[in-house]
Structure formats: structure tokens, C-alpha cells
Amino acid sequence: MNKKELVESLSEKRNITKKEAEVFVDTIFDTITDQLVADEKVLISGFGTFKVNHRNERKGVSPKTQEVMTIPASSTVNFKPSNRLKDAMN
């Protein structure tokens, strides 16, 4: 499912216009993004938890040239599904 399909599904299930559904979806995504950028954990009961993981700068070796290089620090988002979501999947 992509964003367009999500908007269409929400529109049909809640009997609202696609434009209103798109505003809701965008607002939810923007709010989650803002919280993650602020290094906050986002817990959605019954669905799961989004959390920011930080990776430190480290040394690596280029497989092509065997040259030692520095891999810069970065942040990634991790999602852990709730038990309820896991149970629904099985």
C-alpha cells in the first residue's frame, strides 16, 4: 500500500473527501517525523514503536580499493511492532 492507496482507504472508511483524508495522513506523518527529529520515541498503542538509533563515526575499508575510510555518524529509524500487531500477522 502506498500513500495514495492509504488516503483512498481512509476516505472510504470514514466517509470523508480524499482531500480531507490526505490532510489527516500528512498531519500524522509530519507529527511522527517532528518527534523523531527531536529524538523522541513515538509509541502507537496496538501498532508499534518508532525510535531513533544513532550510529557513531567508524572506520571502514572500501572493498574496491582496500582503502581505509571514515564512515560518518548517522541516525536511523527503527520500528518495533507491538504484540497485538504481531498476533494479527500470525
PDB file of N, CA and C in Angstrom:
ATOM      1  N   MET A   1       0.849  -1.176   0.000  1.00  0.00           N
ATOM      2  CA  MET A   1       0.000   0.000   0.000  1.00  0.00           C
ATOM      3  C   MET A   1       0.889   1.232   0.000  1.00  0.00           C
ATOM      4  N   ASN A   2       0.572   2.165  -0.871  1.00  0.00           N
ATOM      5  CA  ASN A   2       1.304   3.424  -0.893  1.00  0.00           C
ATOM      6  C   ASN A   2       0.433   4.527  -0.285  1.00  0.00           C
ATOM      7  N   LYS A   3       0.953   5.748  -0.259  1.00  0.00           N
ATOM      8  CA  LYS A   3       0.240   6.844   0.387  1.00  0.00           C
ATOM      9  C   LYS A   3      -1.106   7.106  -0.289  1.00  0.00           C
ATOM     10  N   LYS A   4      -1.132   7.076  -1.602  1.00  0.00           N
ATOM     11  CA  LYS A   4      -2.374   7.329  -2.337  1.00  0.00           C
ATOM     12  C   LYS A   4      -3.449   6.303  -1.958  1.00  0.00           C
ATOM     13  N   GLU A   5      -3.053   5.043  -1.879  1.00  0.00           N
ATOM     14  CA  GLU A   5      -3.994   3.989  -1.511  1.00  0.00           C
ATOM     15  C   GLU A   5      -4.451   4.149  -0.054  1.00  0.00           C
ATOM     16  N   LEU A   6      -3.545   4.583   0.814  1.00  0.00           N
ATOM     17  CA  LEU A   6      -3.895   4.826   2.212  1.00  0.00           C
ATOM     18  C   LEU A   6      -4.935   5.941   2.311  1.00  0.00           C
ATOM     19  N   VAL A   7      -4.733   7.015   1.565  1.00  0.00           N
ATOM     20  CA  VAL A   7      -5.678   8.134   1.554  1.00  0.00           C
ATOM     21  C   VAL A   7      -7.040   7.674   1.047  1.00  0.00           C
ATOM     22  N   GLU A   8      -7.052   6.890  -0.032  1.00  0.00           N
ATOM     23  CA  GLU A   8      -8.308   6.386  -0.584  1.00  0.00           C
ATOM     24  C   GLU A   8      -9.034   5.489   0.422  1.00  0.00           C
ATOM     25  N   SER A   9      -8.301   4.624   1.093  1.00  0.00           N
ATOM     26  CA  SER A   9      -8.893   3.726   2.079  1.00  0.00           C
ATOM     27  C   SER A   9      -9.494   4.510   3.242  1.00  0.00           C
ATOM     28  N   LEU A  10      -8.764   5.483   3.756  1.00  0.00           N
ATOM     29  CA  LEU A  10      -9.256   6.318   4.850  1.00  0.00           C
ATOM     30  C   LEU A  10     -10.499   7.092   4.417  1.00  0.00           C
ATOM     31  N   SER A  11     -10.467   7.608   3.215  1.00  0.00           N
ATOM     32  CA  SER A  11     -11.604   8.352   2.676  1.00  0.00           C
ATOM     33  C   SER A  11     -12.860   7.492   2.618  1.00  0.00           C
ATOM     34  N   GLU A  12     -12.715   6.265   2.155  1.00  0.00           N
ATOM     35  CA  GLU A  12     -13.857   5.360   2.050  1.00  0.00           C
ATOM     36  C   GLU A  12     -14.363   4.910   3.425  1.00  0.00           C
ATOM     37  N   LYS A  13     -13.442   4.550   4.318  1.00  0.00           N
ATOM     38  CA  LYS A  13     -13.831   4.025   5.631  1.00  0.00           C
ATOM     39  C   LYS A  13     -14.483   5.073   6.517  1.00  0.00           C
ATOM     40  N   ARG A  14     -14.065   6.320   6.413  1.00  0.00           N
ATOM     41  CA  ARG A  14     -14.582   7.378   7.287  1.00  0.00           C
ATOM     42  C   ARG A  14     -15.549   8.312   6.558  1.00  0.00           C
ATOM     43  N   ASN A  15     -15.854   8.018   5.295  1.00  0.00           N
ATOM     44  CA  ASN A  15     -16.814   8.796   4.508  1.00  0.00           C
ATOM     45  C   ASN A  15     -16.450  10.286   4.488  1.00  0.00           C
ATOM     46  N   ILE A  16     -15.175  10.562   4.186  1.00  0.00           N
ATOM     47  CA  ILE A  16     -14.701  11.937   4.040  1.00  0.00           C
ATOM     48  C   ILE A  16     -14.093  12.083   2.656  1.00  0.00           C
ATOM     49  N   THR A  17     -13.832  13.322   2.259  1.00  0.00           N
ATOM     50  CA  THR A  17     -13.246  13.543   0.936  1.00  0.00           C
ATOM     51  C   THR A  17     -11.788  13.090   0.930  1.00  0.00           C
ATOM     52  N   LYS A  18     -11.286  12.822  -0.256  1.00  0.00           N
ATOM     53  CA  LYS A  18      -9.881  12.416  -0.376  1.00  0.00           C
ATOM     54  C   LYS A  18      -8.953  13.537   0.082  1.00  0.00           C
ATOM     55  N   LYS A  19      -9.354  14.774  -0.154  1.00  0.00           N
ATOM     56  CA  LYS A  19      -8.535  15.918   0.255  1.00  0.00           C
ATOM     57  C   LYS A  19      -8.425  15.979   1.780  1.00  0.00           C
ATOM     58  N   GLU A  20      -9.547  15.758   2.474  1.00  0.00           N
ATOM     59  CA  GLU A  20      -9.521  15.749   3.936  1.00  0.00           C
ATOM     60  C   GLU A  20      -8.687  14.578   4.454  1.00  0.00           C
ATOM     61  N   ALA A  21      -8.837  13.429   3.831  1.00  0.00           N
ATOM     62  CA  ALA A  21      -8.059  12.250   4.233  1.00  0.00           C
ATOM     63  C   ALA A  21      -6.569  12.498   4.028  1.00  0.00           C
ATOM     64  N   GLU A  22      -6.224  13.152   2.928  1.00  0.00           N
ATOM     65  CA  GLU A  22      -4.811  13.439   2.656  1.00  0.00           C
ATOM     66  C   GLU A  22      -4.247  14.386   3.706  1.00  0.00           C
ATOM     67  N   VAL A  23      -5.026  15.358   4.147  1.00  0.00           N
ATOM     68  CA  VAL A  23      -4.584  16.274   5.203  1.00  0.00           C
ATOM     69  C   VAL A  23      -4.323  15.499   6.498  1.00  0.00           C
ATOM     70  N   PHE A  24      -5.224  14.566   6.843  1.00  0.00           N
ATOM     71  CA  PHE A  24      -5.035  13.752   8.042  1.00  0.00           C
ATOM     72  C   PHE A  24      -3.759  12.917   7.952  1.00  0.00           C
ATOM     73  N   VAL A  25      -3.575  12.249   6.835  1.00  0.00           N
ATOM     74  CA  VAL A  25      -2.401  11.387   6.657  1.00  0.00           C
ATOM     75  C   VAL A  25      -1.124  12.216   6.725  1.00  0.00           C
ATOM     76  N   ASP A  26      -1.100  13.360   6.025  1.00  0.00           N
ATOM     77  CA  ASP A  26       0.081  14.229   6.050  1.00  0.00           C
ATOM     78  C   ASP A  26       0.370  14.743   7.453  1.00  0.00           C
ATOM     79  N   THR A  27      -0.676  15.086   8.194  1.00  0.00           N
ATOM     80  CA  THR A  27      -0.502  15.585   9.551  1.00  0.00           C
ATOM     81  C   THR A  27       0.098  14.510  10.451  1.00  0.00           C
ATOM     82  N   ILE A  28      -0.392  13.296  10.319  1.00  0.00           N
ATOM     83  CA  ILE A  28       0.148  12.196  11.122  1.00  0.00           C
ATOM     84  C   ILE A  28       1.621  11.955  10.792  1.00  0.00           C
ATOM     85  N   PHE A  29       1.937  11.876   9.501  1.00  0.00           N
ATOM     86  CA  PHE A  29       3.331  11.646   9.102  1.00  0.00           C
ATOM     87  C   PHE A  29       4.232  12.787   9.563  1.00  0.00           C
ATOM     88  N   ASP A  30       3.769  14.033   9.418  1.00  0.00           N
ATOM     89  CA  ASP A  30       4.569  15.187   9.836  1.00  0.00           C
ATOM     90  C   ASP A  30       4.808  15.178  11.343  1.00  0.00           C
ATOM     91  N   THR A  31       3.786  14.821  12.108  1.00  0.00           N
ATOM     92  CA  THR A  31       3.921  14.776  13.565  1.00  0.00           C
ATOM     93  C   THR A  31       4.917  13.700  13.992  1.00  0.00           C
ATOM     94  N   ILE A  32       4.810  12.530  13.390  1.00  0.00           N
ATOM     95  CA  ILE A  32       5.764  11.454  13.696  1.00  0.00           C
ATOM     96  C   ILE A  32       7.178  11.885  13.336  1.00  0.00           C
ATOM     97  N   THR A  33       7.345  12.490  12.164  1.00  0.00           N
ATOM     98  CA  THR A  33       8.663  12.953  11.721  1.00  0.00           C
ATOM     99  C   THR A  33       9.222  13.992  12.679  1.00  0.00           C
ATOM    100  N   ASP A  34       8.398  14.970  13.079  1.00  0.00           N
ATOM    101  CA  ASP A  34       8.860  16.015  14.001  1.00  0.00           C
ATOM    102  C   ASP A  34       9.347  15.419  15.318  1.00  0.00           C
ATOM    103  N   GLN A  35       8.627  14.442  15.848  1.00  0.00           N
ATOM    104  CA  GLN A  35       9.013  13.818  17.115  1.00  0.00           C
ATOM    105  C   GLN A  35      10.325  13.039  16.968  1.00  0.00           C
ATOM    106  N   LEU A  36      10.488  12.343  15.852  1.00  0.00           N
ATOM    107  CA  LEU A  36      11.721  11.574  15.637  1.00  0.00           C
ATOM    108  C   LEU A  36      12.913  12.504  15.438  1.00  0.00           C
ATOM    109  N   VAL A  37      12.706  13.611  14.727  1.00  0.00           N
ATOM    110  CA  VAL A  37      13.782  14.586  14.546  1.00  0.00           C
ATOM    111  C   VAL A  37      14.197  15.168  15.894  1.00  0.00           C
ATOM    112  N   ALA A  38      13.235  15.328  16.798  1.00  0.00           N
ATOM    113  CA  ALA A  38      13.519  15.831  18.148  1.00  0.00           C
ATOM    114  C   ALA A  38      14.070  14.735  19.056  1.00  0.00           C
ATOM    115  N   ASP A  39      14.375  13.571  18.483  1.00  0.00           N
ATOM    116  CA  ASP A  39      14.952  12.436  19.205  1.00  0.00           C
ATOM    117  C   ASP A  39      13.995  11.867  20.253  1.00  0.00           C
ATOM    118  N   GLU A  40      12.695  11.950  19.965  1.00  0.00           N
ATOM    119  CA  GLU A  40      11.673  11.397  20.848  1.00  0.00           C
ATOM    120  C   GLU A  40      11.192  10.062  20.297  1.00  0.00           C
ATOM    121  N   LYS A  41      10.806   9.169  21.192  1.00  0.00           N
ATOM    122  CA  LYS A  41      10.244   7.880  20.805  1.00  0.00           C
ATOM    123  C   LYS A  41       8.759   8.091  20.513  1.00  0.00           C
ATOM    124  N   VAL A  42       8.232   7.425  19.471  1.00  0.00           N
ATOM    125  CA  VAL A  42       6.811   7.513  19.130  1.00  0.00           C
ATOM    126  C   VAL A  42       6.187   6.148  19.372  1.00  0.00           C
ATOM    127  N   LEU A  43       5.292   6.085  20.357  1.00  0.00           N
ATOM    128  CA  LEU A  43       4.626   4.843  20.723  1.00  0.00           C
ATOM    129  C   LEU A  43       3.169   4.930  20.295  1.00  0.00           C
ATOM    130  N   ILE A  44       2.746   4.033  19.406  1.00  0.00           N
ATOM    131  CA  ILE A  44       1.362   3.962  18.969  1.00  0.00           C
ATOM    132  C   ILE A  44       0.816   2.640  19.491  1.00  0.00           C
ATOM    133  N   SER A  45      -0.011   2.726  20.525  1.00  0.00           N
ATOM    134  CA  SER A  45      -0.536   1.526  21.177  1.00  0.00           C
ATOM    135  C   SER A  45      -1.254   0.634  20.175  1.00  0.00           C
ATOM    136  N   GLY A  46      -0.961  -0.645  20.245  1.00  0.00           N
ATOM    137  CA  GLY A  46      -1.583  -1.615  19.357  1.00  0.00           C
ATOM    138  C   GLY A  46      -0.941  -1.685  17.990  1.00  0.00           C
ATOM    139  N   PHE A  47       0.019  -0.813  17.716  1.00  0.00           N
ATOM    140  CA  PHE A  47       0.685  -0.816  16.410  1.00  0.00           C
ATOM    141  C   PHE A  47       2.178  -1.047  16.558  1.00  0.00           C
ATOM    142  N   GLY A  48       2.853  -0.163  17.296  1.00  0.00           N
ATOM    143  CA  GLY A  48       4.287  -0.341  17.488  1.00  0.00           C
ATOM    144  C   GLY A  48       4.973   0.928  17.937  1.00  0.00           C
ATOM    145  N   THR A  49       6.304   0.868  17.962  1.00  0.00           N
ATOM    146  CA  THR A  49       7.124   1.972  18.439  1.00  0.00           C
ATOM    147  C   THR A  49       8.173   2.340  17.395  1.00  0.00           C
ATOM    148  N   PHE A  50       8.271   3.642  17.123  1.00  0.00           N
ATOM    149  CA  PHE A  50       9.325   4.179  16.265  1.00  0.00           C
ATOM    150  C   PHE A  50      10.372   4.797  17.178  1.00  0.00           C
ATOM    151  N   LYS A  51      11.636   4.506  16.923  1.00  0.00           N
ATOM    152  CA  LYS A  51      12.711   5.005  17.776  1.00  0.00           C
ATOM    153  C   LYS A  51      13.915   5.352  16.905  1.00  0.00           C
ATOM    154  N   VAL A  52      14.625   6.412  17.282  1.00  0.00           N
ATOM    155  CA  VAL A  52      15.820   6.830  16.556  1.00  0.00           C
ATOM    156  C   VAL A  52      17.027   6.104  17.140  1.00  0.00           C
ATOM    157  N   ASN A  53      17.819   5.497  16.272  1.00  0.00           N
ATOM    158  CA  ASN A  53      19.079   4.867  16.664  1.00  0.00           C
ATOM    159  C   ASN A  53      20.227   5.686  16.097  1.00  0.00           C
ATOM    160  N   HIS A  54      21.222   5.939  16.923  1.00  0.00           N
ATOM    161  CA  HIS A  54      22.380   6.725  16.496  1.00  0.00           C
ATOM    162  C   HIS A  54      23.564   5.794  16.258  1.00  0.00           C
ATOM    163  N   ARG A  55      24.222   5.999  15.144  1.00  0.00           N
ATOM    164  CA  ARG A  55      25.441   5.245  14.839  1.00  0.00           C
ATOM    165  C   ARG A  55      26.626   6.189  14.942  1.00  0.00           C
ATOM    166  N   ASN A  56      27.657   5.779  15.659  1.00  0.00           N
ATOM    167  CA  ASN A  56      28.851   6.600  15.802  1.00  0.00           C
ATOM    168  C   ASN A  56      29.697   6.537  14.539  1.00  0.00           C
ATOM    169  N   GLU A  57      30.580   7.524  14.406  1.00  0.00           N
ATOM    170  CA  GLU A  57      31.541   7.510  13.305  1.00  0.00           C
ATOM    171  C   GLU A  57      32.456   6.310  13.481  1.00  0.00           C
ATOM    172  N   ARG A  58      32.820   5.662  12.379  1.00  0.00           N
ATOM    173  CA  ARG A  58      33.666   4.474  12.484  1.00  0.00           C
ATOM    174  C   ARG A  58      34.550   4.351  11.252  1.00  0.00           C
ATOM    175  N   LYS A  59      35.539   3.502  11.380  1.00  0.00           N
ATOM    176  CA  LYS A  59      36.455   3.232  10.269  1.00  0.00           C
ATOM    177  C   LYS A  59      35.928   2.065   9.452  1.00  0.00           C
ATOM    178  N   GLY A  60      36.122   2.128   8.155  1.00  0.00           N
ATOM    179  CA  GLY A  60      35.708   1.051   7.276  1.00  0.00           C
ATOM    180  C   GLY A  60      36.726   0.885   6.169  1.00  0.00           C
ATOM    181  N   VAL A  61      36.618  -0.199   5.415  1.00  0.00           N
ATOM    182  CA  VAL A  61      37.537  -0.468   4.320  1.00  0.00           C
ATOM    183  C   VAL A  61      36.729  -0.559   3.040  1.00  0.00           C
ATOM    184  N   SER A  62      37.150   0.215   2.034  1.00  0.00           N
ATOM    185  CA  SER A  62      36.493   0.173   0.732  1.00  0.00           C
ATOM    186  C   SER A  62      36.800  -1.167   0.078  1.00  0.00           C
ATOM    187  N   PRO A  63      35.776  -1.950  -0.276  1.00  0.00           N
ATOM    188  CA  PRO A  63      36.046  -3.255  -0.879  1.00  0.00           C
ATOM    189  C   PRO A  63      36.704  -3.146  -2.264  1.00  0.00           C
ATOM    190  N   LYS A  64      36.493  -2.027  -2.923  1.00  0.00           N
ATOM    191  CA  LYS A  64      37.034  -1.847  -4.271  1.00  0.00           C
ATOM    192  C   LYS A  64      38.529  -1.514  -4.248  1.00  0.00           C
ATOM    193  N   THR A  65      38.907  -0.584  -3.344  1.00  0.00           N
ATOM    194  CA  THR A  65      40.294  -0.111  -3.341  1.00  0.00           C
ATOM    195  C   THR A  65      41.081  -0.569  -2.114  1.00  0.00           C
ATOM    196  N   GLN A  66      40.433  -1.232  -1.169  1.00  0.00           N
ATOM    197  CA  GLN A  66      41.046  -1.654   0.096  1.00  0.00           C
ATOM    198  C   GLN A  66      41.580  -0.468   0.901  1.00  0.00           C
ATOM    199  N   GLU A  67      41.075   0.702   0.611  1.00  0.00           N
ATOM    200  CA  GLU A  67      41.499   1.917   1.289  1.00  0.00           C
ATOM    201  C   GLU A  67      40.678   2.099   2.569  1.00  0.00           C
ATOM    202  N   VAL A  68      41.356   2.465   3.657  1.00  0.00           N
ATOM    203  CA  VAL A  68      40.670   2.727   4.923  1.00  0.00           C
ATOM    204  C   VAL A  68      40.000   4.094   4.814  1.00  0.00           C
ATOM    205  N   MET A  69      38.705   4.125   5.206  1.00  0.00           N
ATOM    206  CA  MET A  69      37.972   5.382   5.131  1.00  0.00           C
ATOM    207  C   MET A  69      37.138   5.565   6.399  1.00  0.00           C
ATOM    208  N   THR A  70      36.726   6.782   6.638  1.00  0.00           N
ATOM    209  CA  THR A  70      35.901   7.083   7.790  1.00  0.00           C
ATOM    210  C   THR A  70      34.442   7.117   7.355  1.00  0.00           C
ATOM    211  N   ILE A  71      33.624   6.334   8.037  1.00  0.00           N
ATOM    212  CA  ILE A  71      32.186   6.330   7.778  1.00  0.00           C
ATOM    213  C   ILE A  71      31.575   7.300   8.780  1.00  0.00           C
ATOM    214  N   PRO A  72      30.893   8.339   8.285  1.00  0.00           N
ATOM    215  CA  PRO A  72      30.383   9.362   9.198  1.00  0.00           C
ATOM    216  C   PRO A  72      29.267   8.850  10.107  1.00  0.00           C
ATOM    217  N   ALA A  73      29.077   9.545  11.223  1.00  0.00           N
ATOM    218  CA  ALA A  73      27.986   9.223  12.150  1.00  0.00           C
ATOM    219  C   ALA A  73      26.655   9.437  11.432  1.00  0.00           C
ATOM    220  N   SER A  74      25.654   8.654  11.807  1.00  0.00           N
ATOM    221  CA  SER A  74      24.332   8.799  11.185  1.00  0.00           C
ATOM    222  C   SER A  74      23.249   8.364  12.159  1.00  0.00           C
ATOM    223  N   SER A  75      22.035   8.700  11.810  1.00  0.00           N
ATOM    224  CA  SER A  75      20.875   8.296  12.602  1.00  0.00           C
ATOM    225  C   SER A  75      19.927   7.520  11.707  1.00  0.00           C
ATOM    226  N   THR A  76      19.298   6.504  12.276  1.00  0.00           N
ATOM    227  CA  THR A  76      18.316   5.716  11.543  1.00  0.00           C
ATOM    228  C   THR A  76      17.071   5.554  12.404  1.00  0.00           C
ATOM    229  N   VAL A  77      15.972   5.202  11.758  1.00  0.00           N
ATOM    230  CA  VAL A  77      14.727   4.971  12.475  1.00  0.00           C
ATOM    231  C   VAL A  77      14.491   3.470  12.562  1.00  0.00           C
ATOM    232  N   ASN A  78      14.159   3.013  13.759  1.00  0.00           N
ATOM    233  CA  ASN A  78      13.864   1.610  13.995  1.00  0.00           C
ATOM    234  C   ASN A  78      12.387   1.488  14.357  1.00  0.00           C
ATOM    235  N   PHE A  79      11.715   0.456  13.833  1.00  0.00           N
ATOM    236  CA  PHE A  79      10.315   0.207  14.177  1.00  0.00           C
ATOM    237  C   PHE A  79      10.206  -1.145  14.835  1.00  0.00           C
ATOM    238  N   LYS A  80       9.559  -1.170  15.993  1.00  0.00           N
ATOM    239  CA  LYS A  80       9.320  -2.428  16.694  1.00  0.00           C
ATOM    240  C   LYS A  80       7.810  -2.622  16.783  1.00  0.00           C
ATOM    241  N   PRO A  81       7.270  -3.655  16.134  1.00  0.00           N
ATOM    242  CA  PRO A  81       5.820  -3.862  16.170  1.00  0.00           C
ATOM    243  C   PRO A  81       5.339  -4.281  17.553  1.00  0.00           C
ATOM    244  N   SER A  82       4.099  -3.918  17.872  1.00  0.00           N
ATOM    245  CA  SER A  82       3.514  -4.304  19.155  1.00  0.00           C
ATOM    246  C   SER A  82       3.121  -5.777  19.107  1.00  0.00           C
ATOM    247  N   ASN A  83       2.890  -6.360  20.262  1.00  0.00           N
ATOM    248  CA  ASN A  83       2.453  -7.758  20.320  1.00  0.00           C
ATOM    249  C   ASN A  83       1.120  -7.942  19.605  1.00  0.00           C
ATOM    250  N   ARG A  84       0.234  -6.955  19.720  1.00  0.00           N
ATOM    251  CA  ARG A  84      -1.060  -7.035  19.050  1.00  0.00           C
ATOM    252  C   ARG A  84      -0.892  -7.110  17.530  1.00  0.00           C
ATOM    253  N   LEU A  85       0.017  -6.313  16.983  1.00  0.00           N
ATOM    254  CA  LEU A  85       0.276  -6.358  15.535  1.00  0.00           C
ATOM    255  C   LEU A  85       0.915  -7.677  15.146  1.00  0.00           C
ATOM    256  N   LYS A  86       1.854  -8.158  15.963  1.00  0.00           N
ATOM    257  CA  LYS A  86       2.484  -9.448  15.696  1.00  0.00           C
ATOM    258  C   LYS A  86       1.450 -10.568  15.670  1.00  0.00           C
ATOM    259  N   ASP A  87       0.531 -10.550  16.658  1.00  0.00           N
ATOM    260  CA  ASP A  87      -0.510 -11.566  16.728  1.00  0.00           C
ATOM    261  C   ASP A  87      -1.435 -11.500  15.511  1.00  0.00           C
ATOM    262  N   ALA A  88      -1.743 -10.305  15.055  1.00  0.00           N
ATOM    263  CA  ALA A  88      -2.615 -10.151  13.884  1.00  0.00           C
ATOM    264  C   ALA A  88      -1.948 -10.685  12.629  1.00  0.00           C
ATOM    265  N   MET A  89      -0.634 -10.639  12.596  1.00  0.00           N
ATOM    266  CA  MET A  89       0.110 -11.111  11.416  1.00  0.00           C
ATOM    267  C   MET A  89       0.155 -12.636  11.361  1.00  0.00           C
ATOM    268  N   ASN A  90       0.033 -13.311  12.500  1.00  0.00           N
ATOM    269  CA  ASN A  90       0.144 -14.767  12.556  1.00  0.00           C
ATOM    270  C   ASN A  90      -1.171 -15.452  12.694  1.00  0.00           C
TER     271      ASN A  90
END
